[in-house]
Amino acid sequence: MQAFLLEVARTVFLATETYNFLAHFIIFAGIRMVPRKDLVRSWLYFVQDTGSVTMTTLLFVPYRFWWISALQFIQHFGLVVAWDKTKPCKQVITWSSLESYKINDGKRWSTFLWDSYLGTLFDIGVHLWLSIHMLQTASVLQMALAVLMNIATFRTTMFNPRRSWARPGAEPEWVKKRMATDIKYD
């Protein structure tokens, strides 16, 4: 029974880590984003994010690599504790939202925020590394189940027309109304 539960966990964490990698990449590349106010309300996602990394590492990664998970945990713990309270955290949230294009005249990359870029790239790298690590030990069935779980998750979140996720510059009117017109970092 314990071996069966471990294989179920392997499937779930493979799906979660590949989802986190793809979701972070989609946002980083500006393919799909969400209004800032909706991102602020999604702080529990970042708890799930670091929980997934931590559990995947504890269950499936050799001990010598745990320091990578520890760094990611510290990064996300700081983000969750300071969520929308400090100037750097507010900047990271804004940079990750649809407003990042709006406040910079469509040029999201015009404001160079090292912490946003490097922090997101580090996080993408951690999720990619864990996804590859999990793929090396997963069965074809586990891979197929993870793909199906990700398709279902993406269809209900980032690519659901009833959610406020949109492609920057092509937001529906109802999503534009959800976007902030003035953002203060004080």
Protein backbone atom coordinates (compact mmCIF):
# COMPACT_ATOMS: atom_id res chain seq x y z
CA MET A 1 0.00 0.00 0.00
CA GLN A 2 2.85 2.39 0.84
CA ALA A 3 4.47 1.78 -2.56
CA PHE A 4 1.13 2.46 -4.30
CA LEU A 5 0.68 5.75 -2.42
CA LEU A 6 4.22 6.79 -3.32
CA GLU A 7 3.46 6.18 -7.02
CA VAL A 8 0.22 8.19 -6.73
CA ALA A 9 2.25 10.99 -5.13
CA ARG A 10 4.81 10.73 -7.96
CA THR A 11 2.02 11.24 -10.51
CA VAL A 12 0.46 14.17 -8.63
CA PHE A 13 3.79 15.94 -8.05
CA LEU A 14 4.91 15.33 -11.65
CA ALA A 15 1.69 17.02 -12.79
CA THR A 16 2.07 19.83 -10.26
CA GLU A 17 5.69 20.57 -11.06
CA THR A 18 5.15 20.54 -14.83
CA TYR A 19 2.10 22.79 -14.35
CA ASN A 20 4.10 25.21 -12.20
CA PHE A 21 6.93 25.26 -14.75
CA LEU A 22 4.58 25.91 -17.68
CA ALA A 23 2.48 28.47 -15.78
CA HIS A 24 5.55 30.45 -14.69
CA PHE A 25 6.97 30.34 -18.22
CA ILE A 26 3.65 31.49 -19.75
CA ILE A 27 3.53 34.46 -17.37
CA PHE A 28 7.24 35.28 -17.73
CA ALA A 29 6.93 35.26 -21.53
CA GLY A 30 3.78 37.39 -21.36
CA ILE A 31 1.63 34.82 -23.17
CA ARG A 32 -1.22 34.86 -20.64
CA MET A 33 -1.54 37.12 -17.61
CA VAL A 34 -4.15 38.19 -15.10
CA PRO A 35 -5.14 41.61 -13.69
CA ARG A 36 -3.17 42.64 -10.62
CA LYS A 37 -6.17 42.52 -8.27
CA ASP A 38 -6.79 38.88 -9.21
CA LEU A 39 -3.13 38.01 -8.79
CA VAL A 40 -3.14 39.60 -5.32
CA ARG A 41 -6.04 37.34 -4.36
CA SER A 42 -4.13 34.30 -5.64
CA TRP A 43 -1.48 34.32 -2.90
CA LEU A 44 -2.38 30.76 -1.91
CA TYR A 45 -1.03 29.61 -5.28
CA PHE A 46 2.44 30.56 -4.06
CA VAL A 47 1.93 28.51 -0.89
CA GLN A 48 0.97 25.55 -3.13
CA ASP A 49 3.97 26.28 -5.34
CA THR A 50 6.52 26.03 -2.54
CA GLY A 51 4.61 23.16 -0.90
CA SER A 52 4.87 21.19 -4.13
CA VAL A 53 8.60 21.87 -4.45
CA THR A 54 9.19 20.95 -0.81
CA MET A 55 7.19 17.71 -0.92
CA THR A 56 8.60 16.65 -4.30
CA THR A 57 12.11 17.25 -2.99
CA LEU A 58 11.55 15.43 0.30
CA LEU A 59 9.95 12.41 -1.36
CA PHE A 60 11.88 12.02 -4.61
CA VAL A 61 15.12 14.02 -4.71
CA PRO A 62 18.50 12.90 -3.32
CA TYR A 63 19.45 14.67 -0.09
CA ARG A 64 22.43 16.50 -1.64
CA PHE A 65 20.04 18.62 -3.75
CA TRP A 66 17.71 19.72 -0.94
CA TRP A 67 19.47 23.10 -0.70
CA ILE A 68 17.82 24.11 -4.00
CA SER A 69 14.40 23.49 -2.49
CA ALA A 70 15.44 25.37 0.65
CA LEU A 71 16.34 28.46 -1.41
CA GLN A 72 13.02 28.29 -3.26
CA PHE A 73 11.19 27.91 0.07
CA ILE A 74 12.92 31.01 1.48
CA GLN A 75 12.10 32.96 -1.69
CA HIS A 76 8.41 32.02 -1.57
CA PHE A 77 8.10 32.35 2.20
CA GLY A 78 9.37 35.92 1.92
CA LEU A 79 6.97 36.61 -0.92
CA VAL A 80 3.94 35.23 0.94
CA VAL A 81 4.79 37.02 4.21
CA ALA A 82 5.26 40.36 2.44
CA TRP A 83 2.42 39.75 -0.04
CA ASP A 84 1.28 43.12 -1.41
CA LYS A 85 2.72 44.92 1.65
CA THR A 86 6.24 45.98 0.69
CA LYS A 87 7.40 47.96 -2.33
CA PRO A 88 9.55 45.13 -3.80
CA CYS A 89 6.73 42.62 -3.39
CA LYS A 90 4.20 45.00 -4.94
CA GLN A 91 6.56 45.52 -7.88
CA VAL A 92 6.90 41.76 -8.42
CA ILE A 93 3.12 41.37 -8.35
CA THR A 94 2.61 44.23 -10.80
CA TRP A 95 5.35 42.96 -13.12
CA SER A 96 3.61 39.56 -13.18
CA SER A 97 0.20 41.08 -14.04
CA LEU A 98 -1.50 42.51 -17.12
CA GLU A 99 -0.90 46.00 -15.72
CA SER A 100 2.83 45.62 -16.40
CA TYR A 101 2.07 46.25 -20.07
CA LYS A 102 -0.44 49.00 -19.42
CA ILE A 103 1.68 51.19 -17.12
CA ASN A 104 4.74 51.04 -19.41
CA ASP A 105 2.96 51.78 -22.71
CA GLY A 106 3.05 48.15 -23.77
CA LYS A 107 6.73 47.73 -22.89
CA ARG A 108 6.80 45.38 -19.93
CA TRP A 109 10.57 45.00 -20.08
CA SER A 110 11.26 48.76 -19.99
CA THR A 111 11.47 48.71 -16.19
CA PHE A 112 14.34 46.42 -15.32
CA LEU A 113 13.51 44.69 -12.05
CA TRP A 114 16.33 42.28 -11.24
CA ASP A 115 14.42 40.65 -8.40
CA SER A 116 11.41 39.97 -10.64
CA TYR A 117 13.43 38.58 -13.54
CA LEU A 118 16.00 36.58 -11.63
CA GLY A 119 13.52 35.37 -9.00
CA THR A 120 11.10 34.17 -11.67
CA LEU A 121 13.88 32.57 -13.73
CA PHE A 122 15.16 30.78 -10.62
CA ASP A 123 11.64 29.54 -9.86
CA ILE A 124 11.13 28.40 -13.47
CA GLY A 125 14.47 26.58 -13.26
CA VAL A 126 13.53 24.79 -10.03
CA HIS A 127 10.21 23.59 -11.47
CA LEU A 128 11.87 22.52 -14.73
CA TRP A 129 14.59 20.65 -12.84
CA LEU A 130 12.03 18.84 -10.67
CA SER A 131 9.86 18.05 -13.70
CA ILE A 132 12.82 16.50 -15.53
CA HIS A 133 13.85 14.62 -12.39
CA MET A 134 10.32 13.25 -11.97
CA LEU A 135 10.04 12.31 -15.66
CA GLN A 136 13.15 10.13 -15.36
CA THR A 137 11.44 7.84 -12.87
CA ALA A 138 7.80 8.08 -14.00
CA SER A 139 6.05 5.37 -15.98
CA VAL A 140 4.32 6.09 -19.29
CA LEU A 141 0.98 5.85 -17.48
CA GLN A 142 2.09 8.40 -14.88
CA MET A 143 3.28 10.73 -17.64
CA ALA A 144 -0.03 10.38 -19.50
CA LEU A 145 -2.02 11.04 -16.32
CA ALA A 146 0.12 14.10 -15.56
CA VAL A 147 -0.49 15.45 -19.08
CA LEU A 148 -4.26 14.93 -18.71
CA MET A 149 -4.23 16.60 -15.28
CA ASN A 150 -2.35 19.58 -16.73
CA ILE A 151 -4.69 19.92 -19.70
CA ALA A 152 -7.66 19.94 -17.32
CA THR A 153 -5.98 22.44 -14.99
CA PHE A 154 -4.96 24.82 -17.77
CA ARG A 155 -8.43 24.66 -19.32
CA THR A 156 -10.04 25.56 -15.98
CA THR A 157 -7.58 28.33 -15.12
CA MET A 158 -5.37 30.17 -17.62
CA PHE A 159 -7.34 29.26 -20.74
CA ASN A 160 -10.86 29.48 -19.34
CA PRO A 161 -12.77 32.35 -21.05
CA ARG A 162 -14.74 32.91 -17.84
CA ARG A 163 -11.57 33.64 -15.88
CA SER A 164 -9.68 36.91 -16.11
CA TRP A 165 -6.58 35.40 -17.75
CA ALA A 166 -5.87 37.10 -21.06
CA ARG A 167 -3.18 37.76 -23.63
CA PRO A 168 -1.65 41.21 -23.03
CA GLY A 169 -3.04 43.66 -25.54
CA ALA A 170 -6.02 41.45 -26.36
CA GLU A 171 -7.95 41.64 -23.10
CA PRO A 172 -11.75 41.44 -23.29
CA GLU A 173 -13.51 44.60 -22.07
CA TRP A 174 -14.64 42.96 -18.82
CA VAL A 175 -11.00 42.07 -18.03
CA LYS A 176 -9.83 45.62 -18.85
CA LYS A 177 -12.33 46.92 -16.28
CA ARG A 178 -10.63 44.77 -13.64
CA MET A 179 -7.23 46.29 -14.34
CA ALA A 180 -5.86 49.05 -12.12
CA THR A 181 -5.42 52.49 -13.65
CA ASP A 182 -3.05 53.81 -10.99
CA ILE A 183 -0.59 51.71 -9.00
CA LYS A 184 1.22 53.06 -5.95
CA TYR A 185 4.07 51.28 -4.22
CA ASP A 186 4.07 53.33 -1.00
